[in-house]
Amino acid sequence: MALTKLIEYEDASPEVRAVYDDILATRKTDWINNVWKALANHPPTLRQFWGEVKEVMGREGGRLDPLTRELIYVAVSMTNNCEYCIRSHTAAARRKGLDDQMLGELIEVVALANKGNRLAIGYQVEVDDRFK
């Protein structure tokens, strides 16, 4: 359950509706998901975060393709244990070509990286000069 009320479109202020309308148009969808509805309680955060998502995840001509961006978002979300983001960005990645085999490999890499990070942190391993 969200810490704040979820702001539905019909209850939104004009400022929030403008962001919602941009989300609907940009994503070519007919619904606003709960993250945006929660963020609508603080319109500056809603506007800023949507702008960042739109810029980074929708960037044209970048070196990272859209599926890779979604996979990175899923991986970080797994590490941060954000179920909402894991589910929403896995769904987005599936629309961009993610299949069950790829998801299994992604989870395997995330698990390995987390274990490697914990080992290096636990042993307080100094960074090799060649990596600097």
Protein backbone atom coordinates (compact mmCIF):
# COMPACT_ATOMS: atom_id res chain seq x y z
CA MET A 1 0.00 0.00 0.00
CA ALA A 2 1.32 3.42 -0.95
CA LEU A 3 2.26 5.89 1.79
CA THR A 4 0.12 8.50 0.07
CA LYS A 5 -3.14 8.59 -1.80
CA LEU A 6 -2.90 7.63 -5.47
CA ILE A 7 -4.04 10.57 -7.59
CA GLU A 8 -6.38 9.40 -10.34
CA TYR A 9 -6.59 11.35 -13.59
CA GLU A 10 -10.05 12.75 -12.85
CA ASP A 11 -8.86 14.02 -9.44
CA ALA A 12 -5.59 15.50 -10.70
CA SER A 13 -4.74 19.18 -10.80
CA PRO A 14 -4.17 20.77 -14.21
CA GLU A 15 -0.39 20.60 -13.60
CA VAL A 16 -0.55 16.86 -12.89
CA ARG A 17 -2.95 16.24 -15.78
CA ALA A 18 -0.45 17.83 -18.13
CA VAL A 19 2.20 15.31 -17.06
CA TYR A 20 -0.31 12.45 -17.20
CA ASP A 21 -1.30 13.51 -20.73
CA ASP A 22 2.35 13.48 -21.78
CA ILE A 23 2.83 10.00 -20.26
CA LEU A 24 -0.26 8.71 -22.09
CA ALA A 25 0.85 10.20 -25.41
CA THR A 26 4.52 9.24 -25.12
CA ARG A 27 3.84 5.68 -24.03
CA LYS A 28 0.87 5.28 -26.37
CA THR A 29 -1.18 3.83 -23.55
CA ASP A 30 -4.59 4.37 -22.02
CA TRP A 31 -3.67 4.21 -18.32
CA ILE A 32 -1.43 5.84 -15.76
CA ASN A 33 0.42 3.40 -13.52
CA ASN A 34 0.59 3.66 -9.75
CA VAL A 35 4.11 5.11 -9.50
CA TRP A 36 3.00 8.23 -11.37
CA LYS A 37 -0.20 8.40 -9.30
CA ALA A 38 1.85 8.33 -6.09
CA LEU A 39 4.37 10.89 -7.34
CA ALA A 40 1.46 13.18 -8.30
CA ASN A 41 1.18 14.07 -4.61
CA HIS A 42 4.27 16.21 -5.21
CA PRO A 43 3.95 17.62 -8.74
CA PRO A 44 7.55 18.92 -8.97
CA THR A 45 8.87 15.39 -8.34
CA LEU A 46 6.38 13.91 -10.79
CA ARG A 47 7.37 16.38 -13.50
CA GLN A 48 11.10 16.00 -12.89
CA PHE A 49 11.15 12.21 -12.72
CA TRP A 50 8.91 11.82 -15.77
CA GLY A 51 11.22 14.17 -17.69
CA GLU A 52 14.24 12.09 -16.72
CA VAL A 53 12.53 8.79 -17.60
CA LYS A 54 11.37 10.20 -20.92
CA GLU A 55 14.85 11.49 -21.75
CA VAL A 56 16.93 8.50 -20.66
CA MET A 57 14.66 5.59 -21.51
CA GLY A 58 13.30 7.13 -24.73
CA ARG A 59 16.54 8.55 -26.10
CA GLU A 60 16.90 8.09 -29.85
CA GLY A 61 20.25 7.28 -31.36
CA GLY A 62 22.02 6.37 -28.13
CA ARG A 63 24.63 3.64 -28.00
CA LEU A 64 22.42 1.51 -25.73
CA ASP A 65 19.39 0.07 -27.44
CA PRO A 66 15.99 0.26 -25.69
CA LEU A 67 16.05 -3.40 -24.56
CA THR A 68 19.49 -2.99 -22.98
CA ARG A 69 18.28 0.08 -21.09
CA GLU A 70 15.31 -1.87 -19.76
CA LEU A 71 17.55 -4.79 -18.75
CA ILE A 72 19.84 -2.44 -16.84
CA TYR A 73 16.82 -0.93 -15.10
CA VAL A 74 15.59 -4.43 -14.19
CA ALA A 75 19.03 -5.44 -12.89
CA VAL A 76 19.36 -2.37 -10.67
CA SER A 77 15.78 -2.83 -9.47
CA MET A 78 16.55 -6.43 -8.51
CA THR A 79 19.59 -5.30 -6.56
CA ASN A 80 17.54 -2.59 -4.82
CA ASN A 81 14.68 -5.04 -4.21
CA CYS A 82 12.07 -2.79 -5.85
CA GLU A 83 9.30 -5.21 -6.81
CA TYR A 84 7.32 -2.49 -8.57
CA CYS A 85 10.23 -1.52 -10.82
CA ILE A 86 11.24 -5.14 -11.42
CA ARG A 87 7.74 -5.95 -12.65
CA SER A 88 7.10 -2.79 -14.65
CA HIS A 89 10.48 -2.79 -16.41
CA THR A 90 10.42 -6.55 -17.02
CA ALA A 91 7.06 -6.01 -18.74
CA ALA A 92 8.59 -3.18 -20.79
CA ALA A 93 11.60 -5.37 -21.63
CA ARG A 94 9.32 -8.20 -22.74
CA ARG A 95 7.62 -5.79 -25.17
CA LYS A 96 11.10 -5.04 -26.53
CA GLY A 97 12.10 -8.70 -26.98
CA LEU A 98 13.04 -10.13 -23.58
CA ASP A 99 12.29 -13.84 -23.36
CA ASP A 100 12.48 -16.29 -20.46
CA GLN A 101 16.00 -17.47 -21.40
CA MET A 102 17.33 -13.91 -21.44
CA LEU A 103 15.62 -13.16 -18.13
CA GLY A 104 17.24 -16.23 -16.58
CA GLU A 105 20.65 -15.10 -17.80
CA LEU A 106 20.03 -11.58 -16.51
CA ILE A 107 19.10 -12.89 -13.06
CA GLU A 108 22.21 -15.10 -13.11
CA VAL A 109 24.46 -12.11 -13.87
CA VAL A 110 22.74 -9.94 -11.23
CA ALA A 111 23.19 -12.67 -8.61
CA LEU A 112 26.84 -13.15 -9.58
CA ALA A 113 27.55 -9.41 -9.49
CA ASN A 114 25.92 -9.07 -6.08
CA LYS A 115 27.96 -11.97 -4.73
CA GLY A 116 31.18 -10.60 -6.24
CA ASN A 117 30.43 -7.16 -4.79
CA ARG A 118 29.84 -8.60 -1.33
CA LEU A 119 33.05 -10.63 -1.47
CA ALA A 120 35.15 -7.66 -2.60
CA ILE A 121 33.53 -5.41 0.02
CA GLY A 122 33.85 -8.05 2.74
CA TYR A 123 37.54 -8.57 2.06
CA GLN A 124 38.05 -4.83 1.56
CA VAL A 125 40.06 -5.60 -1.59
CA GLU A 126 42.12 -2.69 -2.89
CA VAL A 127 41.48 -1.73 -6.50
CA ASP A 128 44.26 -2.81 -8.86
CA ASP A 129 46.23 0.08 -10.36
CA ARG A 130 45.44 -1.26 -13.85
CA PHE A 131 41.73 -0.65 -13.21
CA LYS A 132 42.24 3.00 -12.23
